[in-house]
């Protein structure tokens, strides 16, 4: 005899279905509440990574900018004078070397018939141009500048028509505040720039030329190569022709010296022996009279 559906089995099937639906609903609710499930595991600290990248970039940038300067300075130190190599500038390509008599003084009203332009030795004014790392904005009188060379200074000159403001600033950064250094424009210079020390000159075309540092290292305060060892570059106080005011210096004269100019041999001027003996003028402290050996 046929039988109807087993109500017991139906009830069991319905219970299983309800249980499955409830489980699915709970799982869906958990997803909505917590958002997209995140895979378990180690988190990447992106802020820390970004910070490290920035620091590495800064260090690399500093290295790129500073290394060439360090390398340039280290290379220049190879040209420092010593007892065994008293004039390292002889190893610098392009340096002109001349012998000049020292301590030949002229008055403020006199001109000298210099044999070089810019001059780097010979008769000069009795008062030196301040050379304590001064960057003169205008061209200064050459007779005063040459006396500074006699004190162991390096005089950096440039043609103002050949260099732009950034190039001039690059040169100024080498001079500003450096003892026994000075810089000024020199109208009509036949090269963009020229460096002078007593009896030495180097004319160049680029403010980035490595020979600038080499020349300064070899000849600034090189006691073997300048006559008035220990002499100061400080401003000469006072007023008039017997003083030098760096804020209002005697200016460059572009005209020809004329027939009454003092010749390069001094024209009978008696040398001032107090200079070469170290008895006259202001003297540098002994620790600044470099090199010391």
C-alpha atoms as a PDB file:
ATOM      1  CA  UNK A   1       0.000   0.000   0.000  1.00  0.00           C
ATOM      2  CA  UNK A   2       1.502   3.405  -0.961  1.00  0.00           C
ATOM      3  CA  UNK A   3       2.762   5.582   1.876  1.00  0.00           C
ATOM      4  CA  UNK A   4       2.977   9.462   2.051  1.00  0.00           C
ATOM      5  CA  UNK A   5       6.079  11.546   2.701  1.00  0.00           C
ATOM      6  CA  UNK A   6       7.963  10.840   5.860  1.00  0.00           C
ATOM      7  CA  UNK A   7       7.232  13.885   8.011  1.00  0.00           C
ATOM      8  CA  UNK A   8      10.209  13.111  10.239  1.00  0.00           C
ATOM      9  CA  UNK A   9      12.673  13.284   7.363  1.00  0.00           C
ATOM     10  CA  UNK A  10      11.050  16.467   6.058  1.00  0.00           C
ATOM     11  CA  UNK A  11      11.466  18.102   9.427  1.00  0.00           C
ATOM     12  CA  UNK A  12      15.148  17.119   9.534  1.00  0.00           C
ATOM     13  CA  UNK A  13      15.765  18.484   6.035  1.00  0.00           C
ATOM     14  CA  UNK A  14      14.091  21.769   6.906  1.00  0.00           C
ATOM     15  CA  UNK A  15      16.187  22.099  10.045  1.00  0.00           C
ATOM     16  CA  UNK A  16      19.411  21.553   8.079  1.00  0.00           C
ATOM     17  CA  UNK A  17      18.356  24.164   5.525  1.00  0.00           C
ATOM     18  CA  UNK A  18      17.592  26.708   8.260  1.00  0.00           C
ATOM     19  CA  UNK A  19      20.957  26.026   9.860  1.00  0.00           C
ATOM     20  CA  UNK A  20      22.790  26.532   6.562  1.00  0.00           C
ATOM     21  CA  UNK A  21      20.942  29.804   5.871  1.00  0.00           C
ATOM     22  CA  UNK A  22      21.714  31.108   9.374  1.00  0.00           C
ATOM     23  CA  UNK A  23      25.405  30.265   8.970  1.00  0.00           C
ATOM     24  CA  UNK A  24      25.532  32.069   5.591  1.00  0.00           C
ATOM     25  CA  UNK A  25      23.829  35.138   7.050  1.00  0.00           C
ATOM     26  CA  UNK A  26      26.312  35.303   9.953  1.00  0.00           C
ATOM     27  CA  UNK A  27      29.288  35.062   7.548  1.00  0.00           C
ATOM     28  CA  UNK A  28      27.860  37.836   5.367  1.00  0.00           C
ATOM     29  CA  UNK A  29      27.298  40.036   8.428  1.00  0.00           C
ATOM     30  CA  UNK A  30      30.932  39.568   9.500  1.00  0.00           C
ATOM     31  CA  UNK A  31      32.166  40.693   6.065  1.00  0.00           C
ATOM     32  CA  UNK A  32      29.979  43.815   6.119  1.00  0.00           C
ATOM     33  CA  UNK A  33      31.069  44.724   9.627  1.00  0.00           C
ATOM     34  CA  UNK A  34      34.808  44.251   9.144  1.00  0.00           C
ATOM     35  CA  UNK A  35      35.191  45.250   5.483  1.00  0.00           C
ATOM     36  CA  UNK A  36      37.379  43.338   3.115  1.00  0.00           C
ATOM     37  CA  UNK A  37      39.273  40.687   5.016  1.00  0.00           C
ATOM     38  CA  UNK A  38      43.002  41.489   5.289  1.00  0.00           C
ATOM     39  CA  UNK A  39      45.394  38.690   4.693  1.00  0.00           C
ATOM     40  CA  UNK A  40      47.251  37.792   7.794  1.00  0.00           C
ATOM     41  CA  UNK A  41      51.054  38.360   7.767  1.00  0.00           C
ATOM     42  CA  UNK A  42      53.769  41.074   8.183  1.00  0.00           C
ATOM     43  CA  UNK A  43      52.653  44.659   7.503  1.00  0.00           C
ATOM     44  CA  UNK A  44      54.876  46.953   5.315  1.00  0.00           C
ATOM     45  CA  UNK A  45      55.735  50.232   7.185  1.00  0.00           C
ATOM     46  CA  UNK A  46      55.316  52.557   4.203  1.00  0.00           C
ATOM     47  CA  UNK A  47      55.949  55.767   6.207  1.00  0.00           C
ATOM     48  CA  UNK A  48      59.246  54.406   7.448  1.00  0.00           C
ATOM     49  CA  UNK A  49      60.217  53.309   3.945  1.00  0.00           C
ATOM     50  CA  UNK A  50      59.393  56.775   2.588  1.00  0.00           C
ATOM     51  CA  UNK A  51      61.471  58.428   5.335  1.00  0.00           C
ATOM     52  CA  UNK A  52      64.462  56.229   4.592  1.00  0.00           C
ATOM     53  CA  UNK A  53      64.206  57.027   0.877  1.00  0.00           C
ATOM     54  CA  UNK A  54      64.199  60.774   1.634  1.00  0.00           C
ATOM     55  CA  UNK A  55      67.231  60.528   3.937  1.00  0.00           C
ATOM     56  CA  UNK A  56      69.163  58.439   1.419  1.00  0.00           C
ATOM     57  CA  UNK A  57      68.337  60.986  -1.266  1.00  0.00           C
ATOM     58  CA  UNK A  58      69.576  63.876   0.865  1.00  0.00           C
ATOM     59  CA  UNK A  59      72.820  62.088   1.726  1.00  0.00           C
ATOM     60  CA  UNK A  60      73.400  61.238  -1.923  1.00  0.00           C
ATOM     61  CA  UNK A  61      72.730  64.860  -2.918  1.00  0.00           C
ATOM     62  CA  UNK A  62      75.196  66.184  -0.351  1.00  0.00           C
ATOM     63  CA  UNK A  63      77.779  63.697  -1.500  1.00  0.00           C
ATOM     64  CA  UNK A  64      77.360  64.709  -5.120  1.00  0.00           C
ATOM     65  CA  UNK A  65      77.786  68.395  -4.220  1.00  0.00           C
ATOM     66  CA  UNK A  66      80.533  68.123  -1.615  1.00  0.00           C
ATOM     67  CA  UNK A  67      82.766  65.440  -3.067  1.00  0.00           C
ATOM     68  CA  UNK A  68      84.040  67.539  -5.999  1.00  0.00           C
ATOM     69  CA  UNK A  69      84.885  70.374  -3.572  1.00  0.00           C
ATOM     70  CA  UNK A  70      86.695  67.967  -1.252  1.00  0.00           C
ATOM     71  CA  UNK A  71      88.511  66.433  -4.204  1.00  0.00           C
ATOM     72  CA  UNK A  72      89.488  69.897  -5.484  1.00  0.00           C
ATOM     73  CA  UNK A  73      90.834  70.878  -2.063  1.00  0.00           C
ATOM     74  CA  UNK A  74      92.752  67.641  -1.668  1.00  0.00           C
ATOM     75  CA  UNK A  75      94.270  68.097  -5.115  1.00  0.00           C
ATOM     76  CA  UNK A  76      95.246  71.685  -4.296  1.00  0.00           C
ATOM     77  CA  UNK A  77      97.058  70.543  -1.147  1.00  0.00           C
ATOM     78  CA  UNK A  78      99.507  68.735  -3.383  1.00  0.00           C
ATOM     79  CA  UNK A  79     100.759  72.194  -4.361  1.00  0.00           C
ATOM     80  CA  UNK A  80     101.517  73.368  -0.823  1.00  0.00           C
ATOM     81  CA  UNK A  81     105.101  74.721  -0.571  1.00  0.00           C
ATOM     82  CA  UNK A  82     107.808  73.020   1.464  1.00  0.00           C
ATOM     83  CA  UNK A  83     111.563  73.188   1.968  1.00  0.00           C
ATOM     84  CA  UNK A  84     112.029  70.618  -0.764  1.00  0.00           C
ATOM     85  CA  UNK A  85     109.536  72.240  -3.142  1.00  0.00           C
ATOM     86  CA  UNK A  86     109.653  75.960  -2.485  1.00  0.00           C
ATOM     87  CA  UNK A  87     107.723  77.041  -5.586  1.00  0.00           C
ATOM     88  CA  UNK A  88     105.091  74.420  -6.462  1.00  0.00           C
ATOM     89  CA  UNK A  89     103.571  76.809  -9.007  1.00  0.00           C
ATOM     90  CA  UNK A  90     106.236  75.671 -11.467  1.00  0.00           C
ATOM     91  CA  UNK A  91     104.139  72.510 -11.797  1.00  0.00           C
ATOM     92  CA  UNK A  92     101.005  74.459 -12.765  1.00  0.00           C
ATOM     93  CA  UNK A  93     100.476  74.800 -16.491  1.00  0.00           C
ATOM     94  CA  UNK A  94     100.314  78.424 -17.677  1.00  0.00           C
ATOM     95  CA  UNK A  95     101.995  80.210 -14.760  1.00  0.00           C
ATOM     96  CA  UNK A  96     104.268  83.121 -15.731  1.00  0.00           C
ATOM     97  CA  UNK A  97     107.208  83.796 -13.395  1.00  0.00           C
ATOM     98  CA  UNK A  98     109.265  87.033 -13.355  1.00  0.00           C
ATOM     99  CA  UNK A  99     111.880  88.428 -10.983  1.00  0.00           C
ATOM    100  CA  UNK A 100     111.206  91.924  -9.602  1.00  0.00           C
ATOM    101  CA  UNK A 101     113.091  94.217  -7.214  1.00  0.00           C
ATOM    102  CA  UNK A 102     111.266  94.758  -3.932  1.00  0.00           C
ATOM    103  CA  UNK A 103     110.552  97.703  -1.618  1.00  0.00           C
ATOM    104  CA  UNK A 104     110.561 100.395  -4.328  1.00  0.00           C
ATOM    105  CA  UNK A 105     107.959 102.933  -3.257  1.00  0.00           C
ATOM    106  CA  UNK A 106     106.172 105.648  -5.219  1.00  0.00           C
ATOM    107  CA  UNK A 107     103.873 108.439  -4.071  1.00  0.00           C
ATOM    108  CA  UNK A 108     100.079 108.396  -4.440  1.00  0.00           C
ATOM    109  CA  UNK A 109     100.385 110.939  -7.255  1.00  0.00           C
ATOM    110  CA  UNK A 110     102.813 108.793  -9.271  1.00  0.00           C
ATOM    111  CA  UNK A 111     102.184 106.099 -11.860  1.00  0.00           C
ATOM    112  CA  UNK A 112     104.342 103.075 -12.677  1.00  0.00           C
ATOM    113  CA  UNK A 113     105.029 101.912 -16.239  1.00  0.00           C
ATOM    114  CA  UNK A 114     104.176  98.287 -15.487  1.00  0.00           C
ATOM    115  CA  UNK A 115     105.340  95.648 -17.942  1.00  0.00           C
ATOM    116  CA  UNK A 116     102.368  93.342 -17.310  1.00  0.00           C
ATOM    117  CA  UNK A 117      98.602  93.808 -17.173  1.00  0.00           C
ATOM    118  CA  UNK A 118      97.599  93.208 -14.449  1.00  0.00           C
ATOM    119  CA  UNK A 119     101.020  93.863 -12.876  1.00  0.00           C
ATOM    120  CA  UNK A 120     102.455  91.359 -10.404  1.00  0.00           C
ATOM    121  CA  UNK A 121     105.661  93.002  -9.198  1.00  0.00           C
ATOM    122  CA  UNK A 122     107.829  96.068  -9.419  1.00  0.00           C
ATOM    123  CA  UNK A 123     107.621  99.569  -7.901  1.00  0.00           C
ATOM    124  CA  UNK A 124     104.426 100.268  -5.982  1.00  0.00           C
ATOM    125  CA  UNK A 125     102.690 102.665  -3.616  1.00  0.00           C
ATOM    126  CA  UNK A 126     104.085 102.894  -0.092  1.00  0.00           C
ATOM    127  CA  UNK A 127     100.612 101.914   1.196  1.00  0.00           C
ATOM    128  CA  UNK A 128      99.213  98.466   0.417  1.00  0.00           C
ATOM    129  CA  UNK A 129      95.626  97.662  -0.511  1.00  0.00           C
ATOM    130  CA  UNK A 130      93.704  95.877   2.240  1.00  0.00           C
ATOM    131  CA  UNK A 131      93.980  92.162   1.441  1.00  0.00           C
ATOM    132  CA  UNK A 132      92.155  90.446   4.294  1.00  0.00           C
ATOM    133  CA  UNK A 133      89.717  88.607   2.041  1.00  0.00           C
ATOM    134  CA  UNK A 134      88.269  91.795   0.554  1.00  0.00           C
ATOM    135  CA  UNK A 135      86.104  91.607  -2.579  1.00  0.00           C
ATOM    136  CA  UNK A 136      86.247  95.061  -4.142  1.00  0.00           C
ATOM    137  CA  UNK A 137      83.205  95.907  -6.294  1.00  0.00           C
ATOM    138  CA  UNK A 138      85.179  98.468  -8.326  1.00  0.00           C
ATOM    139  CA  UNK A 139      88.639  98.331  -9.883  1.00  0.00           C
ATOM    140  CA  UNK A 140      91.354  99.570  -7.512  1.00  0.00           C
ATOM    141  CA  UNK A 141      94.620 101.400  -8.111  1.00  0.00           C
ATOM    142  CA  UNK A 142      97.249  98.945  -9.316  1.00  0.00           C
ATOM    143  CA  UNK A 143     100.147 100.587  -7.440  1.00  0.00           C
ATOM    144  CA  UNK A 144      98.430  99.791  -4.128  1.00  0.00           C
ATOM    145  CA  UNK A 145      97.481  96.272  -5.190  1.00  0.00           C
ATOM    146  CA  UNK A 146     101.063  95.374  -6.151  1.00  0.00           C
ATOM    147  CA  UNK A 147     102.236  96.285  -2.640  1.00  0.00           C
ATOM    148  CA  UNK A 148      99.760  93.719  -1.285  1.00  0.00           C
ATOM    149  CA  UNK A 149     101.462  91.047  -3.377  1.00  0.00           C
ATOM    150  CA  UNK A 150     104.712  91.963  -1.652  1.00  0.00           C
ATOM    151  CA  UNK A 151     102.941  90.965   1.587  1.00  0.00           C
ATOM    152  CA  UNK A 152     102.230  87.443   0.349  1.00  0.00           C
ATOM    153  CA  UNK A 153      98.733  88.084  -0.988  1.00  0.00           C
ATOM    154  CA  UNK A 154      97.021  86.587  -4.010  1.00  0.00           C
ATOM    155  CA  UNK A 155      95.116  89.156  -6.074  1.00  0.00           C
ATOM    156  CA  UNK A 156      92.225  87.740  -8.100  1.00  0.00           C
ATOM    157  CA  UNK A 157      91.177  89.936 -11.023  1.00  0.00           C
ATOM    158  CA  UNK A 158      88.523  89.502 -13.695  1.00  0.00           C
ATOM    159  CA  UNK A 159      87.225  91.171 -16.819  1.00  0.00           C
ATOM    160  CA  UNK A 160      83.754  92.495 -15.886  1.00  0.00           C
ATOM    161  CA  UNK A 161      82.702  92.261 -19.539  1.00  0.00           C
ATOM    162  CA  UNK A 162      83.567  88.557 -19.745  1.00  0.00           C
ATOM    163  CA  UNK A 163      81.991  87.102 -16.577  1.00  0.00           C
ATOM    164  CA  UNK A 164      78.358  87.092 -15.492  1.00  0.00           C
ATOM    165  CA  UNK A 165      77.108  87.658 -11.942  1.00  0.00           C
ATOM    166  CA  UNK A 166      77.125  83.951 -11.019  1.00  0.00           C
ATOM    167  CA  UNK A 167      80.696  83.500 -12.251  1.00  0.00           C
ATOM    168  CA  UNK A 168      81.863  86.554 -10.335  1.00  0.00           C
ATOM    169  CA  UNK A 169      80.203  85.179  -7.207  1.00  0.00           C
ATOM    170  CA  UNK A 170      81.989  81.849  -7.681  1.00  0.00           C
ATOM    171  CA  UNK A 171      85.308  83.708  -7.594  1.00  0.00           C
ATOM    172  CA  UNK A 172      84.207  85.874  -4.670  1.00  0.00           C
ATOM    173  CA  UNK A 173      83.394  82.765  -2.621  1.00  0.00           C
ATOM    174  CA  UNK A 174      87.055  81.735  -2.891  1.00  0.00           C
ATOM    175  CA  UNK A 175      88.274  85.114  -1.628  1.00  0.00           C
ATOM    176  CA  UNK A 176      85.772  86.509   0.857  1.00  0.00           C
ATOM    177  CA  UNK A 177      87.188  86.505   4.378  1.00  0.00           C
ATOM    178  CA  UNK A 178      90.413  84.674   3.467  1.00  0.00           C
ATOM    179  CA  UNK A 179      93.575  86.239   4.863  1.00  0.00           C
ATOM    180  CA  UNK A 180      96.100  87.478   2.295  1.00  0.00           C
ATOM    181  CA  UNK A 181      93.483  87.454  -0.473  1.00  0.00           C
ATOM    182  CA  UNK A 182      91.707  90.191  -2.416  1.00  0.00           C
ATOM    183  CA  UNK A 183      89.656  90.463  -5.574  1.00  0.00           C
ATOM    184  CA  UNK A 184      88.676  93.257  -7.933  1.00  0.00           C
ATOM    185  CA  UNK A 185      87.533  93.819 -11.508  1.00  0.00           C
ATOM    186  CA  UNK A 186      90.252  94.760 -14.000  1.00  0.00           C
ATOM    187  CA  UNK A 187      88.840  96.514 -17.075  1.00  0.00           C
ATOM    188  CA  UNK A 188      90.414  95.510 -20.357  1.00  0.00           C
ATOM    189  CA  UNK A 189      91.875  92.250 -19.036  1.00  0.00           C
ATOM    190  CA  UNK A 190      92.749  90.032 -22.011  1.00  0.00           C
ATOM    191  CA  UNK A 191      91.344  86.904 -20.306  1.00  0.00           C
ATOM    192  CA  UNK A 192      88.163  86.366 -18.282  1.00  0.00           C
ATOM    193  CA  UNK A 193      90.257  86.152 -15.094  1.00  0.00           C
ATOM    194  CA  UNK A 194      93.826  86.382 -13.849  1.00  0.00           C
ATOM    195  CA  UNK A 195      95.552  85.524 -10.569  1.00  0.00           C
ATOM    196  CA  UNK A 196      98.605  87.403  -9.294  1.00  0.00           C
ATOM    197  CA  UNK A 197     101.078  86.839  -6.497  1.00  0.00           C
ATOM    198  CA  UNK A 198     104.491  88.468  -6.192  1.00  0.00           C
ATOM    199  CA  UNK A 199     106.420  87.521  -9.349  1.00  0.00           C
ATOM    200  CA  UNK A 200     103.727  85.066 -10.523  1.00  0.00           C
ATOM    201  CA  UNK A 201     100.678  85.256 -12.741  1.00  0.00           C
ATOM    202  CA  UNK A 202      98.104  82.810 -14.127  1.00  0.00           C
ATOM    203  CA  UNK A 203      95.530  83.845 -16.719  1.00  0.00           C
ATOM    204  CA  UNK A 204      92.508  81.596 -17.188  1.00  0.00           C
ATOM    205  CA  UNK A 205      89.254  81.319 -19.105  1.00  0.00           C
ATOM    206  CA  UNK A 206      87.005  79.560 -16.561  1.00  0.00           C
ATOM    207  CA  UNK A 207      86.095  80.242 -12.931  1.00  0.00           C
ATOM    208  CA  UNK A 208      85.871  76.461 -12.450  1.00  0.00           C
ATOM    209  CA  UNK A 209      89.456  75.785 -13.507  1.00  0.00           C
ATOM    210  CA  UNK A 210      91.194  73.579 -10.908  1.00  0.00           C
ATOM    211  CA  UNK A 211      94.365  75.636 -11.314  1.00  0.00           C
ATOM    212  CA  UNK A 212      92.790  78.471  -9.317  1.00  0.00           C
ATOM    213  CA  UNK A 213      92.971  76.404  -6.122  1.00  0.00           C
ATOM    214  CA  UNK A 214      96.418  75.130  -7.050  1.00  0.00           C
ATOM    215  CA  UNK A 215      97.785  78.657  -7.552  1.00  0.00           C
ATOM    216  CA  UNK A 216      96.364  79.865  -4.238  1.00  0.00           C
ATOM    217  CA  UNK A 217      97.725  76.827  -2.395  1.00  0.00           C
ATOM    218  CA  UNK A 218     101.161  77.250  -3.951  1.00  0.00           C
ATOM    219  CA  UNK A 219     101.644  80.988  -3.519  1.00  0.00           C
ATOM    220  CA  UNK A 220      99.397  82.562  -0.876  1.00  0.00           C
ATOM    221  CA  UNK A 221     101.717  83.315   2.047  1.00  0.00           C
ATOM    222  CA  UNK A 222     104.456  81.215   0.497  1.00  0.00           C
ATOM    223  CA  UNK A 223     107.378  82.571   2.535  1.00  0.00           C
ATOM    224  CA  UNK A 224     109.851  81.394  -0.073  1.00  0.00           C
ATOM    225  CA  UNK A 225     108.341  83.552  -2.826  1.00  0.00           C
ATOM    226  CA  UNK A 226     107.348  86.975  -1.457  1.00  0.00           C
ATOM    227  CA  UNK A 227     109.723  89.653  -0.137  1.00  0.00           C
ATOM    228  CA  UNK A 228     108.048  91.042   2.991  1.00  0.00           C
ATOM    229  CA  UNK A 229     107.522  87.861   5.007  1.00  0.00           C
ATOM    230  CA  UNK A 230     105.201  88.328   7.977  1.00  0.00           C
ATOM    231  CA  UNK A 231     103.743  91.635   6.802  1.00  0.00           C
ATOM    232  CA  UNK A 232     100.061  92.280   7.490  1.00  0.00           C
ATOM    233  CA  UNK A 233      97.254  92.761   5.000  1.00  0.00           C
ATOM    234  CA  UNK A 234      95.128  94.790   7.419  1.00  0.00           C
ATOM    235  CA  UNK A 235      93.862  98.229   6.452  1.00  0.00           C
ATOM    236  CA  UNK A 236      96.305 101.102   6.957  1.00  0.00           C
ATOM    237  CA  UNK A 237      94.461 103.506   9.293  1.00  0.00           C
ATOM    238  CA  UNK A 238      94.278 107.259   8.922  1.00  0.00           C
ATOM    239  CA  UNK A 239      93.352 109.589   6.099  1.00  0.00           C
ATOM    240  CA  UNK A 240      94.940 110.902   2.934  1.00  0.00           C
ATOM    241  CA  UNK A 241      97.776 109.443   0.905  1.00  0.00           C
ATOM    242  CA  UNK A 242      99.313 107.582   3.857  1.00  0.00           C
ATOM    243  CA  UNK A 243      96.240 105.421   4.524  1.00  0.00           C
ATOM    244  CA  UNK A 244      94.020 102.944   2.699  1.00  0.00           C
ATOM    245  CA  UNK A 245      90.272 102.777   3.254  1.00  0.00           C
ATOM    246  CA  UNK A 246      88.816  99.574   1.706  1.00  0.00           C
ATOM    247  CA  UNK A 247      85.370 101.190   1.651  1.00  0.00           C
ATOM    248  CA  UNK A 248      86.710 104.110  -0.362  1.00  0.00           C
ATOM    249  CA  UNK A 249      89.918 102.928  -2.056  1.00  0.00           C
ATOM    250  CA  UNK A 250      91.908 104.833  -4.673  1.00  0.00           C
ATOM    251  CA  UNK A 251      90.466 103.792  -7.998  1.00  0.00           C
ATOM    252  CA  UNK A 252      91.936 102.204 -11.095  1.00  0.00           C
ATOM    253  CA  UNK A 253      93.299 104.535 -13.768  1.00  0.00           C
ATOM    254  CA  UNK A 254      92.765 103.068 -17.242  1.00  0.00           C
ATOM    255  CA  UNK A 255      94.770 105.741 -19.047  1.00  0.00           C
ATOM    256  CA  UNK A 256      98.360 105.203 -20.215  1.00  0.00           C
ATOM    257  CA  UNK A 257     100.914 105.978 -17.474  1.00  0.00           C
ATOM    258  CA  UNK A 258     102.633 108.718 -19.516  1.00  0.00           C
ATOM    259  CA  UNK A 259     106.283 109.690 -20.063  1.00  0.00           C
ATOM    260  CA  UNK A 260     106.821 110.683 -16.420  1.00  0.00           C
ATOM    261  CA  UNK A 261     105.830 107.228 -15.116  1.00  0.00           C
ATOM    262  CA  UNK A 262     108.276 105.410 -12.839  1.00  0.00           C
ATOM    263  CA  UNK A 263     110.112 102.671 -14.815  1.00  0.00           C
ATOM    264  CA  UNK A 264     110.139  99.064 -13.701  1.00  0.00           C
ATOM    265  CA  UNK A 265     113.665  99.318 -12.296  1.00  0.00           C
ATOM    266  CA  UNK A 266     112.547 102.119  -9.995  1.00  0.00           C
ATOM    267  CA  UNK A 267     114.460 104.873 -11.768  1.00  0.00           C
ATOM    268  CA  UNK A 268     116.915 105.435  -8.948  1.00  0.00           C
ATOM    269  CA  UNK A 269     114.452 104.943  -6.053  1.00  0.00           C
ATOM    270  CA  UNK A 270     116.230 103.743  -2.917  1.00  0.00           C
ATOM    271  CA  UNK A 271     114.664 100.501  -1.629  1.00  0.00           C
ATOM    272  CA  UNK A 272     113.014 100.656   1.776  1.00  0.00           C
ATOM    273  CA  UNK A 273     115.186  98.177   3.667  1.00  0.00           C
ATOM    274  CA  UNK A 274     112.863  98.248   6.682  1.00  0.00           C
ATOM    275  CA  UNK A 275     110.373  96.196   4.682  1.00  0.00           C
ATOM    276  CA  UNK A 276     112.608  93.333   3.655  1.00  0.00           C
ATOM    277  CA  UNK A 277     114.182  93.218   7.112  1.00  0.00           C
ATOM    278  CA  UNK A 278     110.794  92.961   8.766  1.00  0.00           C
ATOM    279  CA  UNK A 279     111.418  96.102  10.838  1.00  0.00           C
ATOM    280  CA  UNK A 280     108.661  98.218   9.346  1.00  0.00           C
ATOM    281  CA  UNK A 281     104.903  98.008   9.001  1.00  0.00           C
ATOM    282  CA  UNK A 282     102.363  95.806  10.740  1.00  0.00           C
ATOM    283  CA  UNK A 283     103.288  92.158  11.089  1.00  0.00           C
ATOM    284  CA  UNK A 284     101.178  89.019  11.010  1.00  0.00           C
ATOM    285  CA  UNK A 285     101.067  86.828  14.129  1.00  0.00           C
ATOM    286  CA  UNK A 286     103.621  84.026  13.778  1.00  0.00           C
ATOM    287  CA  UNK A 287     100.908  81.347  13.548  1.00  0.00           C
ATOM    288  CA  UNK A 288      99.551  83.030  10.414  1.00  0.00           C
ATOM    289  CA  UNK A 289     102.904  83.296   8.719  1.00  0.00           C
ATOM    290  CA  UNK A 290     102.347  80.122   6.711  1.00  0.00           C
ATOM    291  CA  UNK A 291     103.718  77.788   5.621  1.00  0.00           C
ATOM    292  CA  UNK A 292     105.583  77.079   8.847  1.00  0.00           C
ATOM    293  CA  UNK A 293     108.164  74.716   7.350  1.00  0.00           C
END
